[in-house]
Full PDB file with SEQRES, HELIX, SHEET, SSBOND, CRYST1, ORIGX, SCALE, CONECT and MASTER records, all heavy atoms in Angstrom:
SEQRES   1 A   31  GLU GLU LEU PHE VAL ALA GLU GLU GLU ILE LYS ALA GLN          
SEQRES   2 A   31  ASN GLU GLU LEU ALA ILE ALA HIS ASP GLN ILE ALA ALA          
SEQRES   3 A   31  GLU ARG GLN ARG TYR                                          
HELIX    1 AA1 GLU A    2  ARG A   30  1                                  29    
CRYST1    1.000    1.000    1.000  90.00  90.00  90.00 P 1           1          
ORIGX1      1.000000  0.000000  0.000000        0.00000                         
ORIGX2      0.000000  1.000000  0.000000        0.00000                         
ORIGX3      0.000000  0.000000  1.000000        0.00000                         
SCALE1      1.000000  0.000000  0.000000        0.00000                         
SCALE2      0.000000  1.000000  0.000000        0.00000                         
SCALE3      0.000000  0.000000  1.000000        0.00000                         
ATOM      1  N   GLU A   1       0.831  -1.206   0.000  1.00  0.00           N  
ATOM      2  CA  GLU A   1       0.000   0.000   0.000  1.00  0.00           C  
ATOM      3  C   GLU A   1       0.864   1.254   0.000  1.00  0.00           C  
ATOM      4  O   GLU A   1       0.603   2.225  -0.724  1.00  0.00           O  
ATOM      5  CB  GLU A   1      -0.916  -0.013   1.218  1.00  0.00           C  
ATOM      6  CG  GLU A   1      -2.023  -1.053   1.126  1.00  0.00           C  
ATOM      7  CD  GLU A   1      -2.850  -1.122   2.395  1.00  0.00           C  
ATOM      8  OE1 GLU A   1      -2.524  -0.354   3.345  1.00  0.00           O  
ATOM      9  OE2 GLU A   1      -3.804  -1.908   2.444  1.00  0.00           O  
ATOM     10  N   GLU A   2       1.895   1.262   0.844  1.00  0.00           N  
ATOM     11  CA  GLU A   2       2.804   2.415   0.869  1.00  0.00           C  
ATOM     12  C   GLU A   2       3.510   2.583  -0.465  1.00  0.00           C  
ATOM     13  O   GLU A   2       3.750   3.700  -0.941  1.00  0.00           O  
ATOM     14  CB  GLU A   2       3.829   2.233   1.993  1.00  0.00           C  
ATOM     15  CG  GLU A   2       3.217   2.318   3.381  1.00  0.00           C  
ATOM     16  CD  GLU A   2       4.253   2.103   4.460  1.00  0.00           C  
ATOM     17  OE1 GLU A   2       5.446   1.899   4.106  1.00  0.00           O  
ATOM     18  OE2 GLU A   2       3.899   2.161   5.652  1.00  0.00           O  
ATOM     19  N   LEU A   3       3.843   1.448  -1.074  1.00  0.00           N  
ATOM     20  CA  LEU A   3       4.491   1.485  -2.380  1.00  0.00           C  
ATOM     21  C   LEU A   3       3.561   2.057  -3.430  1.00  0.00           C  
ATOM     22  O   LEU A   3       3.969   2.840  -4.290  1.00  0.00           O  
ATOM     23  CB  LEU A   3       4.937   0.072  -2.771  1.00  0.00           C  
ATOM     24  CG  LEU A   3       5.832  -0.056  -4.008  1.00  0.00           C  
ATOM     25  CD1 LEU A   3       7.149   0.683  -3.765  1.00  0.00           C  
ATOM     26  CD2 LEU A   3       6.110  -1.516  -4.330  1.00  0.00           C  
ATOM     27  N   PHE A   4       2.278   1.715  -3.339  1.00  0.00           N  
ATOM     28  CA  PHE A   4       1.294   2.242  -4.286  1.00  0.00           C  
ATOM     29  C   PHE A   4       1.151   3.756  -4.127  1.00  0.00           C  
ATOM     30  O   PHE A   4       1.098   4.506  -5.100  1.00  0.00           O  
ATOM     31  CB  PHE A   4      -0.048   1.544  -4.055  1.00  0.00           C  
ATOM     32  CG  PHE A   4      -1.147   2.080  -4.933  1.00  0.00           C  
ATOM     33  CD1 PHE A   4      -1.221   1.741  -6.281  1.00  0.00           C  
ATOM     34  CD2 PHE A   4      -2.110   2.949  -4.419  1.00  0.00           C  
ATOM     35  CE1 PHE A   4      -2.228   2.241  -7.084  1.00  0.00           C  
ATOM     36  CE2 PHE A   4      -3.118   3.455  -5.232  1.00  0.00           C  
ATOM     37  CZ  PHE A   4      -3.174   3.100  -6.564  1.00  0.00           C  
ATOM     38  N   VAL A   5       1.099   4.222  -2.857  1.00  0.00           N  
ATOM     39  CA  VAL A   5       1.010   5.676  -2.597  1.00  0.00           C  
ATOM     40  C   VAL A   5       2.232   6.404  -3.149  1.00  0.00           C  
ATOM     41  O   VAL A   5       2.136   7.465  -3.780  1.00  0.00           O  
ATOM     42  CB  VAL A   5       0.855   5.934  -1.092  1.00  0.00           C  
ATOM     43  CG1 VAL A   5       0.953   7.438  -0.798  1.00  0.00           C  
ATOM     44  CG2 VAL A   5      -0.471   5.395  -0.586  1.00  0.00           C  
ATOM     45  N   ALA A   6       3.396   5.829  -2.899  1.00  0.00           N  
ATOM     46  CA  ALA A   6       4.625   6.448  -3.404  1.00  0.00           C  
ATOM     47  C   ALA A   6       4.625   6.510  -4.920  1.00  0.00           C  
ATOM     48  O   ALA A   6       5.080   7.486  -5.533  1.00  0.00           O  
ATOM     49  CB  ALA A   6       5.837   5.671  -2.895  1.00  0.00           C  
ATOM     50  N   GLU A   7       4.085   5.454  -5.549  1.00  0.00           N  
ATOM     51  CA  GLU A   7       4.014   5.438  -7.017  1.00  0.00           C  
ATOM     52  C   GLU A   7       3.114   6.552  -7.529  1.00  0.00           C  
ATOM     53  O   GLU A   7       3.438   7.235  -8.510  1.00  0.00           O  
ATOM     54  CB  GLU A   7       3.504   4.074  -7.474  1.00  0.00           C  
ATOM     55  CG  GLU A   7       3.446   3.947  -9.005  1.00  0.00           C  
ATOM     56  CD  GLU A   7       2.851   2.619  -9.433  1.00  0.00           C  
ATOM     57  OE1 GLU A   7       2.299   1.889  -8.583  1.00  0.00           O  
ATOM     58  OE2 GLU A   7       2.916   2.320 -10.631  1.00  0.00           O  
ATOM     59  N   GLU A   8       1.970   6.783  -6.847  1.00  0.00           N  
ATOM     60  CA  GLU A   8       1.055   7.851  -7.258  1.00  0.00           C  
ATOM     61  C   GLU A   8       1.715   9.225  -7.098  1.00  0.00           C  
ATOM     62  O   GLU A   8       1.561  10.103  -7.944  1.00  0.00           O  
ATOM     63  CB  GLU A   8      -0.228   7.781  -6.414  1.00  0.00           C  
ATOM     64  CG  GLU A   8      -1.096   6.565  -6.688  1.00  0.00           C  
ATOM     65  CD  GLU A   8      -1.588   6.542  -8.129  1.00  0.00           C  
ATOM     66  OE1 GLU A   8      -1.933   7.625  -8.642  1.00  0.00           O  
ATOM     67  OE2 GLU A   8      -1.628   5.452  -8.723  1.00  0.00           O  
ATOM     68  N   GLU A   9       2.444   9.410  -6.001  1.00  0.00           N  
ATOM     69  CA  GLU A   9       3.138  10.676  -5.792  1.00  0.00           C  
ATOM     70  C   GLU A   9       4.188  10.925  -6.871  1.00  0.00           C  
ATOM     71  O   GLU A   9       4.366  12.045  -7.352  1.00  0.00           O  
ATOM     72  CB  GLU A   9       3.782  10.694  -4.399  1.00  0.00           C  
ATOM     73  CG  GLU A   9       2.782  10.750  -3.257  1.00  0.00           C  
ATOM     74  CD  GLU A   9       3.460  10.730  -1.902  1.00  0.00           C  
ATOM     75  OE1 GLU A   9       4.700  10.566  -1.877  1.00  0.00           O  
ATOM     76  OE2 GLU A   9       2.760  10.901  -0.884  1.00  0.00           O  
ATOM     77  N   ILE A  10       4.890   9.863  -7.239  1.00  0.00           N  
ATOM     78  CA  ILE A  10       5.909   9.998  -8.288  1.00  0.00           C  
ATOM     79  C   ILE A  10       5.273  10.333  -9.621  1.00  0.00           C  
ATOM     80  O   ILE A  10       5.790  11.151 -10.394  1.00  0.00           O  
ATOM     81  CB  ILE A  10       6.748   8.707  -8.370  1.00  0.00           C  
ATOM     82  CG1 ILE A  10       7.628   8.580  -7.120  1.00  0.00           C  
ATOM     83  CG2 ILE A  10       7.610   8.703  -9.622  1.00  0.00           C  
ATOM     84  CD1 ILE A  10       8.364   7.271  -7.036  1.00  0.00           C  
ATOM     85  N   LYS A  11       4.114   9.732  -9.906  1.00  0.00           N  
ATOM     86  CA  LYS A  11       3.411  10.072 -11.158  1.00  0.00           C  
ATOM     87  C   LYS A  11       3.001  11.547 -11.181  1.00  0.00           C  
ATOM     88  O   LYS A  11       3.154  12.234 -12.199  1.00  0.00           O  
ATOM     89  CB  LYS A  11       2.180   9.177 -11.303  1.00  0.00           C  
ATOM     90  CG  LYS A  11       2.482   7.737 -11.670  1.00  0.00           C  
ATOM     91  CD  LYS A  11       1.188   6.936 -11.819  1.00  0.00           C  
ATOM     92  CE  LYS A  11       1.480   5.489 -12.212  1.00  0.00           C  
ATOM     93  NZ  LYS A  11       0.231   4.687 -12.331  1.00  0.00           N  
ATOM     94  N   ALA A  12       2.451  12.015 -10.031  1.00  0.00           N  
ATOM     95  CA  ALA A  12       2.068  13.434  -9.956  1.00  0.00           C  
ATOM     96  C   ALA A  12       3.275  14.349 -10.128  1.00  0.00           C  
ATOM     97  O   ALA A  12       3.219  15.379 -10.820  1.00  0.00           O  
ATOM     98  CB  ALA A  12       1.372  13.716  -8.623  1.00  0.00           C  
ATOM     99  N   GLN A  13       4.401  13.953  -9.489  1.00  0.00           N  
ATOM    100  CA  GLN A  13       5.620  14.744  -9.616  1.00  0.00           C  
ATOM    101  C   GLN A  13       6.118  14.742 -11.046  1.00  0.00           C  
ATOM    102  O   GLN A  13       6.588  15.758 -11.560  1.00  0.00           O  
ATOM    103  CB  GLN A  13       6.692  14.193  -8.677  1.00  0.00           C  
ATOM    104  CG  GLN A  13       7.939  15.055  -8.590  1.00  0.00           C  
ATOM    105  CD  GLN A  13       7.674  16.356  -7.874  1.00  0.00           C  
ATOM    106  OE1 GLN A  13       6.735  16.457  -7.081  1.00  0.00           O  
ATOM    107  NE2 GLN A  13       8.464  17.375  -8.150  1.00  0.00           N  
ATOM    108  N   ASN A  14       5.979  13.592 -11.715  1.00  0.00           N  
ATOM    109  CA  ASN A  14       6.379  13.511 -13.128  1.00  0.00           C  
ATOM    110  C   ASN A  14       5.554  14.455 -13.998  1.00  0.00           C  
ATOM    111  O   ASN A  14       6.070  15.091 -14.913  1.00  0.00           O  
ATOM    112  CB  ASN A  14       6.239  12.068 -13.628  1.00  0.00           C  
ATOM    113  CG  ASN A  14       7.433  11.214 -13.252  1.00  0.00           C  
ATOM    114  OD1 ASN A  14       8.526  11.731 -13.040  1.00  0.00           O  
ATOM    115  ND2 ASN A  14       7.233   9.900 -13.158  1.00  0.00           N  
ATOM    116  N   GLU A  15       4.250  14.521 -13.708  1.00  0.00           N  
ATOM    117  CA  GLU A  15       3.386  15.425 -14.464  1.00  0.00           C  
ATOM    118  C   GLU A  15       3.792  16.881 -14.237  1.00  0.00           C  
ATOM    119  O   GLU A  15       3.829  17.684 -15.172  1.00  0.00           O  
ATOM    120  CB  GLU A  15       1.936  15.208 -14.053  1.00  0.00           C  
ATOM    121  CG  GLU A  15       1.374  13.865 -14.502  1.00  0.00           C  
ATOM    122  CD  GLU A  15      -0.051  13.646 -14.010  1.00  0.00           C  
ATOM    123  OE1 GLU A  15      -0.564  14.551 -13.313  1.00  0.00           O  
ATOM    124  OE2 GLU A  15      -0.643  12.593 -14.335  1.00  0.00           O  
ATOM    125  N   GLU A  16       4.077  17.241 -12.981  1.00  0.00           N  
ATOM    126  CA  GLU A  16       4.526  18.603 -12.680  1.00  0.00           C  
ATOM    127  C   GLU A  16       5.837  18.916 -13.392  1.00  0.00           C  
ATOM    128  O   GLU A  16       6.033  20.015 -13.937  1.00  0.00           O  
ATOM    129  CB  GLU A  16       4.701  18.791 -11.178  1.00  0.00           C  
ATOM    130  CG  GLU A  16       3.401  18.761 -10.402  1.00  0.00           C  
ATOM    131  CD  GLU A  16       3.624  18.947  -8.914  1.00  0.00           C  
ATOM    132  OE1 GLU A  16       4.797  19.172  -8.515  1.00  0.00           O  
ATOM    133  OE2 GLU A  16       2.648  18.860  -8.141  1.00  0.00           O  
ATOM    134  N   LEU A  17       6.750  17.957 -13.380  1.00  0.00           N  
ATOM    135  CA  LEU A  17       8.034  18.168 -14.063  1.00  0.00           C  
ATOM    136  C   LEU A  17       7.837  18.333 -15.561  1.00  0.00           C  
ATOM    137  O   LEU A  17       8.527  19.129 -16.212  1.00  0.00           O  
ATOM    138  CB  LEU A  17       8.971  16.994 -13.773  1.00  0.00           C  
ATOM    139  CG  LEU A  17       9.562  16.939 -12.363  1.00  0.00           C  
ATOM    140  CD1 LEU A  17      10.360  15.646 -12.177  1.00  0.00           C  
ATOM    141  CD2 LEU A  17      10.462  18.148 -12.117  1.00  0.00           C  
ATOM    142  N   ALA A  18       6.869  17.559 -16.127  1.00  0.00           N  
ATOM    143  CA  ALA A  18       6.602  17.689 -17.564  1.00  0.00           C  
ATOM    144  C   ALA A  18       6.066  19.071 -17.899  1.00  0.00           C  
ATOM    145  O   ALA A  18       6.460  19.691 -18.897  1.00  0.00           O  
ATOM    146  CB  ALA A  18       5.615  16.604 -18.006  1.00  0.00           C  
ATOM    147  N   ILE A  19       5.148  19.577 -17.034  1.00  0.00           N  
ATOM    148  CA  ILE A  19       4.608  20.930 -17.252  1.00  0.00           C  
ATOM    149  C   ILE A  19       5.715  21.969 -17.128  1.00  0.00           C  
ATOM    150  O   ILE A  19       5.822  22.905 -17.942  1.00  0.00           O  
ATOM    151  CB  ILE A  19       3.474  21.209 -16.237  1.00  0.00           C  
ATOM    152  CG1 ILE A  19       2.286  20.292 -16.522  1.00  0.00           C  
ATOM    153  CG2 ILE A  19       3.056  22.674 -16.301  1.00  0.00           C  
ATOM    154  CD1 ILE A  19       1.197  20.359 -15.448  1.00  0.00           C  
ATOM    155  N   ALA A  20       6.540  21.821 -16.081  1.00  0.00           N  
ATOM    156  CA  ALA A  20       7.647  22.767 -15.889  1.00  0.00           C  
ATOM    157  C   ALA A  20       8.606  22.716 -17.070  1.00  0.00           C  
ATOM    158  O   ALA A  20       9.121  23.755 -17.519  1.00  0.00           O  
ATOM    159  CB  ALA A  20       8.385  22.449 -14.584  1.00  0.00           C  
ATOM    160  N   HIS A  21       8.843  21.536 -17.597  1.00  0.00           N  
ATOM    161  CA  HIS A  21       9.732  21.388 -18.749  1.00  0.00           C  
ATOM    162  C   HIS A  21       9.169  22.122 -19.962  1.00  0.00           C  
ATOM    163  O   HIS A  21       9.898  22.810 -20.695  1.00  0.00           O  
ATOM    164  CB  HIS A  21       9.929  19.904 -19.066  1.00  0.00           C  
ATOM    165  CG  HIS A  21      10.848  19.660 -20.227  1.00  0.00           C  
ATOM    166  ND1 HIS A  21      10.389  19.606 -21.530  1.00  0.00           N  
ATOM    167  CD2 HIS A  21      12.204  19.491 -20.287  1.00  0.00           C  
ATOM    168  CE1 HIS A  21      11.408  19.398 -22.334  1.00  0.00           C  
ATOM    169  NE2 HIS A  21      12.525  19.319 -21.614  1.00  0.00           N  
ATOM    170  N   ASP A  22       7.837  21.980 -20.177  1.00  0.00           N  
ATOM    171  CA  ASP A  22       7.209  22.688 -21.300  1.00  0.00           C  
ATOM    172  C   ASP A  22       7.305  24.202 -21.122  1.00  0.00           C  
ATOM    173  O   ASP A  22       7.539  24.943 -22.083  1.00  0.00           O  
ATOM    174  CB  ASP A  22       5.743  22.268 -21.422  1.00  0.00           C  
ATOM    175  CG  ASP A  22       5.595  20.815 -21.854  1.00  0.00           C  
ATOM    176  OD1 ASP A  22       6.574  20.268 -22.416  1.00  0.00           O  
ATOM    177  OD2 ASP A  22       4.516  20.237 -21.636  1.00  0.00           O  
ATOM    178  N   GLN A  23       7.109  24.662 -19.873  1.00  0.00           N  
ATOM    179  CA  GLN A  23       7.209  26.099 -19.611  1.00  0.00           C  
ATOM    180  C   GLN A  23       8.613  26.613 -19.859  1.00  0.00           C  
ATOM    181  O   GLN A  23       8.810  27.686 -20.445  1.00  0.00           O  
ATOM    182  CB  GLN A  23       6.783  26.399 -18.176  1.00  0.00           C  
ATOM    183  CG  GLN A  23       5.304  26.183 -17.914  1.00  0.00           C  
ATOM    184  CD  GLN A  23       4.953  26.374 -16.454  1.00  0.00           C  
ATOM    185  OE1 GLN A  23       5.826  26.382 -15.588  1.00  0.00           O  
ATOM    186  NE2 GLN A  23       3.652  26.519 -16.171  1.00  0.00           N  
ATOM    187  N   ILE A  24       9.593  25.832 -19.404  1.00  0.00           N  
ATOM    188  CA  ILE A  24      10.986  26.239 -19.624  1.00  0.00           C  
ATOM    189  C   ILE A  24      11.303  26.276 -21.113  1.00  0.00           C  
ATOM    190  O   ILE A  24      11.976  27.192 -21.602  1.00  0.00           O  
ATOM    191  CB  ILE A  24      11.935  25.272 -18.885  1.00  0.00           C  
ATOM    192  CG1 ILE A  24      11.782  25.441 -17.369  1.00  0.00           C  
ATOM    193  CG2 ILE A  24      13.381  25.514 -19.290  1.00  0.00           C  
ATOM    194  CD1 ILE A  24      12.522  24.403 -16.560  1.00  0.00           C  
ATOM    195  N   ALA A  25      10.781  25.289 -21.855  1.00  0.00           N  
ATOM    196  CA  ALA A  25      11.021  25.259 -23.307  1.00  0.00           C  
ATOM    197  C   ALA A  25      10.378  26.465 -23.984  1.00  0.00           C  
ATOM    198  O   ALA A  25      10.971  27.072 -24.885  1.00  0.00           O  
ATOM    199  CB  ALA A  25      10.471  23.954 -23.882  1.00  0.00           C  
ATOM    200  N   ALA A  26       9.156  26.837 -23.525  1.00  0.00           N  
ATOM    201  CA  ALA A  26       8.479  28.005 -24.110  1.00  0.00           C  
ATOM    202  C   ALA A  26       9.246  29.286 -23.798  1.00  0.00           C  
ATOM    203  O   ALA A  26       9.405  30.156 -24.673  1.00  0.00           O  
ATOM    204  CB  ALA A  26       7.051  28.094 -23.570  1.00  0.00           C  
ATOM    205  N   GLU A  27       9.725  29.414 -22.544  1.00  0.00           N  
ATOM    206  CA  GLU A  27      10.505  30.595 -22.172  1.00  0.00           C  
ATOM    207  C   GLU A  27      11.810  30.662 -22.955  1.00  0.00           C  
ATOM    208  O   GLU A  27      12.242  31.732 -23.388  1.00  0.00           O  
ATOM    209  CB  GLU A  27      10.803  30.570 -20.668  1.00  0.00           C  
ATOM    210  CG  GLU A  27       9.610  30.879 -19.787  1.00  0.00           C  
ATOM    211  CD  GLU A  27       9.102  32.293 -19.993  1.00  0.00           C  
ATOM    212  OE1 GLU A  27       9.928  33.211 -20.166  1.00  0.00           O  
ATOM    213  OE2 GLU A  27       7.878  32.481 -20.018  1.00  0.00           O  
ATOM    214  N   ARG A  28      12.439  29.495 -23.142  1.00  0.00           N  
ATOM    215  CA  ARG A  28      13.685  29.465 -23.915  1.00  0.00           C  
ATOM    216  C   ARG A  28      13.424  29.889 -25.360  1.00  0.00           C  
ATOM    217  O   ARG A  28      14.215  30.641 -25.944  1.00  0.00           O  
ATOM    218  CB  ARG A  28      14.287  28.067 -23.856  1.00  0.00           C  
ATOM    219  CG  ARG A  28      15.632  27.976 -24.589  1.00  0.00           C  
ATOM    220  CD  ARG A  28      16.233  26.586 -24.490  1.00  0.00           C  
ATOM    221  NE  ARG A  28      16.671  26.298 -23.118  1.00  0.00           N  
ATOM    222  CZ  ARG A  28      16.107  25.411 -22.327  1.00  0.00           C  
ATOM    223  NH1 ARG A  28      15.054  24.713 -22.746  1.00  0.00           N  
ATOM    224  NH2 ARG A  28      16.561  25.196 -21.100  1.00  0.00           N  
ATOM    225  N   GLN A  29      12.284  29.441 -25.921  1.00  0.00           N  
ATOM    226  CA  GLN A  29      11.955  29.814 -27.287  1.00  0.00           C  
ATOM    227  C   GLN A  29      11.676  31.316 -27.379  1.00  0.00           C  
ATOM    228  O   GLN A  29      12.090  31.986 -28.329  1.00  0.00           O  
ATOM    229  CB  GLN A  29      10.721  29.023 -27.758  1.00  0.00           C  
ATOM    230  CG  GLN A  29      10.261  29.350 -29.174  1.00  0.00           C  
ATOM    231  CD  GLN A  29      11.295  28.977 -30.219  1.00  0.00           C  
ATOM    232  OE1 GLN A  29      12.104  28.076 -29.996  1.00  0.00           O  
ATOM    233  NE2 GLN A  29      11.277  29.678 -31.345  1.00  0.00           N  
ATOM    234  N   ARG A  30      10.963  31.827 -26.368  1.00  0.00           N  
ATOM    235  CA  ARG A  30      10.665  33.262 -26.346  1.00  0.00           C  
ATOM    236  C   ARG A  30      11.953  34.075 -26.230  1.00  0.00           C  
ATOM    237  O   ARG A  30      12.134  35.085 -26.926  1.00  0.00           O  
ATOM    238  CB  ARG A  30       9.742  33.572 -25.172  1.00  0.00           C  
ATOM    239  CG  ARG A  30       9.353  35.031 -25.028  1.00  0.00           C  
ATOM    240  CD  ARG A  30       8.288  35.207 -23.948  1.00  0.00           C  
ATOM    241  NE  ARG A  30       8.030  36.603 -23.692  1.00  0.00           N  
ATOM    242  CZ  ARG A  30       8.691  37.344 -22.810  1.00  0.00           C  
ATOM    243  NH1 ARG A  30       9.679  36.797 -22.107  1.00  0.00           N  
ATOM    244  NH2 ARG A  30       8.393  38.620 -22.631  1.00  0.00           N  
ATOM    245  N   TYR A  31      12.834  33.631 -25.334  1.00  0.00           N  
ATOM    246  CA  TYR A  31      14.120  34.323 -25.191  1.00  0.00           C  
ATOM    247  C   TYR A  31      14.897  34.282 -26.504  1.00  0.00           C  
ATOM    248  O   TYR A  31      15.500  35.282 -26.916  1.00  0.00           O  
ATOM    249  CB  TYR A  31      14.933  33.661 -24.080  1.00  0.00           C  
ATOM    250  CG  TYR A  31      16.402  34.027 -24.117  1.00  0.00           C  
ATOM    251  CD1 TYR A  31      16.848  35.266 -23.659  1.00  0.00           C  
ATOM    252  CD2 TYR A  31      17.348  33.143 -24.643  1.00  0.00           C  
ATOM    253  CE1 TYR A  31      18.189  35.606 -23.714  1.00  0.00           C  
ATOM    254  CE2 TYR A  31      18.683  33.477 -24.697  1.00  0.00           C  
ATOM    255  CZ  TYR A  31      19.106  34.704 -24.235  1.00  0.00           C  
ATOM    256  OH  TYR A  31      20.418  35.040 -24.288  1.00  0.00           O  
TER     257      TYR A  31                                                      
MASTER        0    0    0    1    0    0    0    6  256    1    0    3          
END                                                                             
């Protein structure tokens, strides 16, 4: 169960990192 919770947290963190990556790419393109 703890492993499942940790997996869900990692997925959410991955999604946040993907969004941040897209934002950084957009800012880099704008720059």
